Amino acid sequence: MEALADVVSCAIPLEPALAVLDQFAWDWDGPPLLLAKKDVDAVLRRLAEGELMPQQVQRWAEFLEGRDDLDYDGEVAQLLFLLATPEVNEPISAELAERLLRGSNGTA
Protein backbone atom coordinates (compact mmCIF):
# COMPACT_ATOMS: atom_id res chain seq x y z
CA MET A 1 0.00 0.00 0.00
CA GLU A 2 2.97 2.31 0.57
CA ALA A 3 3.94 2.01 -3.11
CA LEU A 4 0.41 2.99 -4.12
CA ALA A 5 0.51 5.99 -1.78
CA ASP A 6 3.79 7.02 -3.44
CA VAL A 7 2.13 6.87 -6.87
CA VAL A 8 -0.94 8.79 -5.68
CA SER A 9 1.20 11.58 -4.27
CA CYS A 10 3.95 11.37 -6.91
CA ALA A 11 6.32 11.38 -3.93
CA ILE A 12 8.92 9.45 -5.90
CA PRO A 13 9.62 9.34 -9.64
CA LEU A 14 6.57 7.92 -11.38
CA GLU A 15 8.02 5.17 -13.56
CA PRO A 16 9.90 3.31 -10.78
CA ALA A 17 6.82 3.50 -8.53
CA LEU A 18 4.59 2.13 -11.28
CA ALA A 19 7.07 -0.69 -11.90
CA VAL A 20 6.84 -1.67 -8.23
CA LEU A 21 3.03 -1.63 -8.30
CA ASP A 22 2.91 -3.67 -11.50
CA GLN A 23 4.22 -6.58 -9.41
CA PHE A 24 1.07 -6.63 -7.25
CA ALA A 25 -2.35 -8.05 -8.13
CA TRP A 26 -5.17 -5.62 -8.82
CA ASP A 27 -7.58 -7.44 -6.50
CA TRP A 28 -7.33 -5.86 -3.06
CA ASP A 29 -8.94 -7.19 0.12
CA GLY A 30 -8.01 -4.39 2.51
CA PRO A 31 -9.43 -0.92 2.94
CA PRO A 32 -8.87 1.31 -0.08
CA LEU A 33 -6.51 4.25 -0.11
CA LEU A 34 -8.25 7.60 -0.60
CA LEU A 35 -7.32 9.53 -3.72
CA ALA A 36 -8.40 13.08 -2.87
CA LYS A 37 -8.83 16.13 -5.07
CA LYS A 38 -5.76 17.63 -3.38
CA ASP A 39 -3.69 14.72 -4.76
CA VAL A 40 -4.89 15.40 -8.30
CA ASP A 41 -4.31 19.13 -7.80
CA ALA A 42 -0.72 18.45 -6.70
CA VAL A 43 -0.07 16.56 -9.94
CA LEU A 44 -1.74 19.32 -11.97
CA ARG A 45 0.45 21.94 -10.27
CA ARG A 46 3.56 19.95 -11.13
CA LEU A 47 2.38 19.74 -14.75
CA ALA A 48 1.65 23.48 -14.85
CA GLU A 49 5.11 24.21 -13.45
CA GLY A 50 6.86 21.93 -15.93
CA GLU A 51 7.96 19.31 -13.39
CA LEU A 52 5.86 16.60 -15.05
CA MET A 53 5.35 15.96 -18.75
CA PRO A 54 1.87 15.42 -20.22
CA GLN A 55 2.71 11.77 -20.97
CA GLN A 56 3.63 11.18 -17.32
CA VAL A 57 0.35 12.67 -16.14
CA GLN A 58 -1.59 10.54 -18.61
CA ARG A 59 0.22 7.39 -17.45
CA TRP A 60 -0.43 8.36 -13.80
CA ALA A 61 -4.16 8.81 -14.44
CA GLU A 62 -4.42 5.63 -16.54
CA PHE A 63 -2.76 3.65 -13.79
CA LEU A 64 -5.02 4.96 -11.02
CA GLU A 65 -8.33 4.95 -12.85
CA GLY A 66 -10.53 2.01 -11.84
CA ARG A 67 -8.23 0.44 -9.23
CA ASP A 68 -9.92 -1.67 -6.50
CA ASP A 69 -7.44 -0.45 -3.91
CA LEU A 70 -8.35 3.23 -4.39
CA ASP A 71 -11.40 5.19 -3.35
CA TYR A 72 -12.32 8.58 -4.81
CA ASP A 73 -15.35 10.74 -5.41
CA GLY A 74 -17.07 11.64 -8.67
CA GLU A 75 -15.07 14.82 -9.22
CA VAL A 76 -11.79 12.91 -8.95
CA ALA A 77 -13.16 10.19 -11.24
CA GLN A 78 -14.02 12.83 -13.83
CA LEU A 79 -10.52 14.35 -13.59
CA LEU A 80 -8.87 10.94 -13.92
CA PHE A 81 -10.95 10.20 -17.01
CA LEU A 82 -10.05 13.57 -18.52
CA LEU A 83 -6.33 13.03 -17.88
CA ALA A 84 -6.27 9.34 -18.84
CA THR A 85 -7.99 9.84 -22.20
CA PRO A 86 -6.68 12.96 -23.92
CA GLU A 87 -7.49 11.41 -27.29
CA VAL A 88 -11.24 11.73 -26.57
CA ASN A 89 -11.10 14.85 -24.39
CA GLU A 90 -8.30 17.29 -25.12
CA PRO A 91 -4.52 17.17 -25.09
CA ILE A 92 -2.88 17.35 -21.68
CA SER A 93 -0.95 20.57 -21.28
CA ALA A 94 0.16 23.14 -18.74
CA GLU A 95 -2.76 25.31 -19.89
CA LEU A 96 -5.25 22.52 -19.20
CA ALA A 97 -3.71 22.00 -15.77
CA GLU A 98 -4.06 25.71 -14.98
CA ARG A 99 -7.72 25.72 -16.07
CA LEU A 100 -8.47 22.66 -13.96
CA LEU A 101 -6.73 24.19 -10.97
CA ARG A 102 -8.84 27.35 -11.37
CA GLY A 103 -11.91 25.15 -11.29
CA SER A 104 -13.22 25.23 -14.85
CA ASN A 105 -14.14 21.86 -16.30
CA GLY A 106 -11.24 21.87 -18.76
CA THR A 107 -13.23 20.55 -21.68
CA ALA A 108 -13.05 22.26 -25.03
C-alpha atoms as a PDB file:
ATOM      1  CA  MET A   1       0.000   0.000   0.000  1.00  0.00           C
ATOM      2  CA  GLU A   2       2.971   2.306   0.568  1.00  0.00           C
ATOM      3  CA  ALA A   3       3.938   2.014  -3.108  1.00  0.00           C
ATOM      4  CA  LEU A   4       0.407   2.993  -4.119  1.00  0.00           C
ATOM      5  CA  ALA A   5       0.514   5.986  -1.783  1.00  0.00           C
ATOM      6  CA  ASP A   6       3.789   7.018  -3.439  1.00  0.00           C
ATOM      7  CA  VAL A   7       2.129   6.875  -6.865  1.00  0.00           C
ATOM      8  CA  VAL A   8      -0.938   8.791  -5.677  1.00  0.00           C
ATOM      9  CA  SER A   9       1.200  11.583  -4.273  1.00  0.00           C
ATOM     10  CA  CYS A  10       3.948  11.368  -6.910  1.00  0.00           C
ATOM     11  CA  ALA A  11       6.320  11.380  -3.925  1.00  0.00           C
ATOM     12  CA  ILE A  12       8.919   9.449  -5.900  1.00  0.00           C
ATOM     13  CA  PRO A  13       9.619   9.335  -9.642  1.00  0.00           C
ATOM     14  CA  LEU A  14       6.571   7.921 -11.378  1.00  0.00           C
ATOM     15  CA  GLU A  15       8.021   5.168 -13.557  1.00  0.00           C
ATOM     16  CA  PRO A  16       9.898   3.306 -10.778  1.00  0.00           C
ATOM     17  CA  ALA A  17       6.822   3.502  -8.529  1.00  0.00           C
ATOM     18  CA  LEU A  18       4.589   2.128 -11.279  1.00  0.00           C
ATOM     19  CA  ALA A  19       7.074  -0.686 -11.901  1.00  0.00           C
ATOM     20  CA  VAL A  20       6.841  -1.669  -8.228  1.00  0.00           C
ATOM     21  CA  LEU A  21       3.033  -1.627  -8.305  1.00  0.00           C
ATOM     22  CA  ASP A  22       2.914  -3.673 -11.502  1.00  0.00           C
ATOM     23  CA  GLN A  23       4.222  -6.577  -9.408  1.00  0.00           C
ATOM     24  CA  PHE A  24       1.065  -6.629  -7.246  1.00  0.00           C
ATOM     25  CA  ALA A  25      -2.347  -8.052  -8.133  1.00  0.00           C
ATOM     26  CA  TRP A  26      -5.169  -5.616  -8.821  1.00  0.00           C
ATOM     27  CA  ASP A  27      -7.579  -7.437  -6.498  1.00  0.00           C
ATOM     28  CA  TRP A  28      -7.328  -5.860  -3.062  1.00  0.00           C
ATOM     29  CA  ASP A  29      -8.937  -7.194   0.118  1.00  0.00           C
ATOM     30  CA  GLY A  30      -8.008  -4.394   2.511  1.00  0.00           C
ATOM     31  CA  PRO A  31      -9.427  -0.923   2.939  1.00  0.00           C
ATOM     32  CA  PRO A  32      -8.867   1.311  -0.084  1.00  0.00           C
ATOM     33  CA  LEU A  33      -6.509   4.250  -0.109  1.00  0.00           C
ATOM     34  CA  LEU A  34      -8.250   7.596  -0.597  1.00  0.00           C
ATOM     35  CA  LEU A  35      -7.324   9.529  -3.724  1.00  0.00           C
ATOM     36  CA  ALA A  36      -8.402  13.077  -2.866  1.00  0.00           C
ATOM     37  CA  LYS A  37      -8.833  16.127  -5.071  1.00  0.00           C
ATOM     38  CA  LYS A  38      -5.760  17.629  -3.377  1.00  0.00           C
ATOM     39  CA  ASP A  39      -3.692  14.717  -4.759  1.00  0.00           C
ATOM     40  CA  VAL A  40      -4.889  15.404  -8.305  1.00  0.00           C
ATOM     41  CA  ASP A  41      -4.311  19.132  -7.797  1.00  0.00           C
ATOM     42  CA  ALA A  42      -0.719  18.450  -6.703  1.00  0.00           C
ATOM     43  CA  VAL A  43      -0.067  16.559  -9.942  1.00  0.00           C
ATOM     44  CA  LEU A  44      -1.744  19.323 -11.969  1.00  0.00           C
ATOM     45  CA  ARG A  45       0.446  21.945 -10.267  1.00  0.00           C
ATOM     46  CA  ARG A  46       3.558  19.952 -11.130  1.00  0.00           C
ATOM     47  CA  LEU A  47       2.378  19.736 -14.750  1.00  0.00           C
ATOM     48  CA  ALA A  48       1.649  23.478 -14.852  1.00  0.00           C
ATOM     49  CA  GLU A  49       5.112  24.211 -13.446  1.00  0.00           C
ATOM     50  CA  GLY A  50       6.860  21.927 -15.932  1.00  0.00           C
ATOM     51  CA  GLU A  51       7.960  19.314 -13.385  1.00  0.00           C
ATOM     52  CA  LEU A  52       5.859  16.601 -15.054  1.00  0.00           C
ATOM     53  CA  MET A  53       5.351  15.963 -18.750  1.00  0.00           C
ATOM     54  CA  PRO A  54       1.867  15.416 -20.221  1.00  0.00           C
ATOM     55  CA  GLN A  55       2.714  11.766 -20.970  1.00  0.00           C
ATOM     56  CA  GLN A  56       3.634  11.179 -17.321  1.00  0.00           C
ATOM     57  CA  VAL A  57       0.353  12.672 -16.137  1.00  0.00           C
ATOM     58  CA  GLN A  58      -1.586  10.538 -18.609  1.00  0.00           C
ATOM     59  CA  ARG A  59       0.217   7.393 -17.449  1.00  0.00           C
ATOM     60  CA  TRP A  60      -0.427   8.360 -13.799  1.00  0.00           C
ATOM     61  CA  ALA A  61      -4.157   8.812 -14.445  1.00  0.00           C
ATOM     62  CA  GLU A  62      -4.425   5.628 -16.537  1.00  0.00           C
ATOM     63  CA  PHE A  63      -2.759   3.653 -13.792  1.00  0.00           C
ATOM     64  CA  LEU A  64      -5.016   4.959 -11.016  1.00  0.00           C
ATOM     65  CA  GLU A  65      -8.332   4.947 -12.850  1.00  0.00           C
ATOM     66  CA  GLY A  66     -10.534   2.009 -11.838  1.00  0.00           C
ATOM     67  CA  ARG A  67      -8.229   0.436  -9.227  1.00  0.00           C
ATOM     68  CA  ASP A  68      -9.920  -1.666  -6.504  1.00  0.00           C
ATOM     69  CA  ASP A  69      -7.439  -0.447  -3.912  1.00  0.00           C
ATOM     70  CA  LEU A  70      -8.346   3.235  -4.386  1.00  0.00           C
ATOM     71  CA  ASP A  71     -11.396   5.194  -3.352  1.00  0.00           C
ATOM     72  CA  TYR A  72     -12.318   8.577  -4.808  1.00  0.00           C
ATOM     73  CA  ASP A  73     -15.349  10.742  -5.412  1.00  0.00           C
ATOM     74  CA  GLY A  74     -17.073  11.641  -8.667  1.00  0.00           C
ATOM     75  CA  GLU A  75     -15.068  14.821  -9.218  1.00  0.00           C
ATOM     76  CA  VAL A  76     -11.790  12.914  -8.950  1.00  0.00           C
ATOM     77  CA  ALA A  77     -13.160  10.187 -11.238  1.00  0.00           C
ATOM     78  CA  GLN A  78     -14.016  12.830 -13.825  1.00  0.00           C
ATOM     79  CA  LEU A  79     -10.522  14.350 -13.589  1.00  0.00           C
ATOM     80  CA  LEU A  80      -8.868  10.937 -13.918  1.00  0.00           C
ATOM     81  CA  PHE A  81     -10.946  10.197 -17.012  1.00  0.00           C
ATOM     82  CA  LEU A  82     -10.050  13.573 -18.523  1.00  0.00           C
ATOM     83  CA  LEU A  83      -6.334  13.027 -17.884  1.00  0.00           C
ATOM     84  CA  ALA A  84      -6.270   9.339 -18.838  1.00  0.00           C
ATOM     85  CA  THR A  85      -7.989   9.837 -22.197  1.00  0.00           C
ATOM     86  CA  PRO A  86      -6.679  12.961 -23.925  1.00  0.00           C
ATOM     87  CA  GLU A  87      -7.488  11.410 -27.290  1.00  0.00           C
ATOM     88  CA  VAL A  88     -11.237  11.732 -26.567  1.00  0.00           C
ATOM     89  CA  ASN A  89     -11.103  14.850 -24.393  1.00  0.00           C
ATOM     90  CA  GLU A  90      -8.296  17.291 -25.117  1.00  0.00           C
ATOM     91  CA  PRO A  91      -4.522  17.171 -25.087  1.00  0.00           C
ATOM     92  CA  ILE A  92      -2.883  17.346 -21.680  1.00  0.00           C
ATOM     93  CA  SER A  93      -0.955  20.569 -21.277  1.00  0.00           C
ATOM     94  CA  ALA A  94       0.155  23.140 -18.745  1.00  0.00           C
ATOM     95  CA  GLU A  95      -2.764  25.312 -19.893  1.00  0.00           C
ATOM     96  CA  LEU A  96      -5.254  22.517 -19.197  1.00  0.00           C
ATOM     97  CA  ALA A  97      -3.708  22.004 -15.769  1.00  0.00           C
ATOM     98  CA  GLU A  98      -4.055  25.706 -14.978  1.00  0.00           C
ATOM     99  CA  ARG A  99      -7.723  25.716 -16.065  1.00  0.00           C
ATOM    100  CA  LEU A 100      -8.469  22.658 -13.959  1.00  0.00           C
ATOM    101  CA  LEU A 101      -6.734  24.189 -10.966  1.00  0.00           C
ATOM    102  CA  ARG A 102      -8.835  27.345 -11.374  1.00  0.00           C
ATOM    103  CA  GLY A 103     -11.910  25.149 -11.289  1.00  0.00           C
ATOM    104  CA  SER A 104     -13.225  25.225 -14.849  1.00  0.00           C
ATOM    105  CA  ASN A 105     -14.143  21.860 -16.297  1.00  0.00           C
ATOM    106  CA  GLY A 106     -11.244  21.872 -18.761  1.00  0.00           C
ATOM    107  CA  THR A 107     -13.227  20.549 -21.679  1.00  0.00           C
ATOM    108  CA  ALA A 108     -13.055  22.263 -25.035  1.00  0.00           C
END
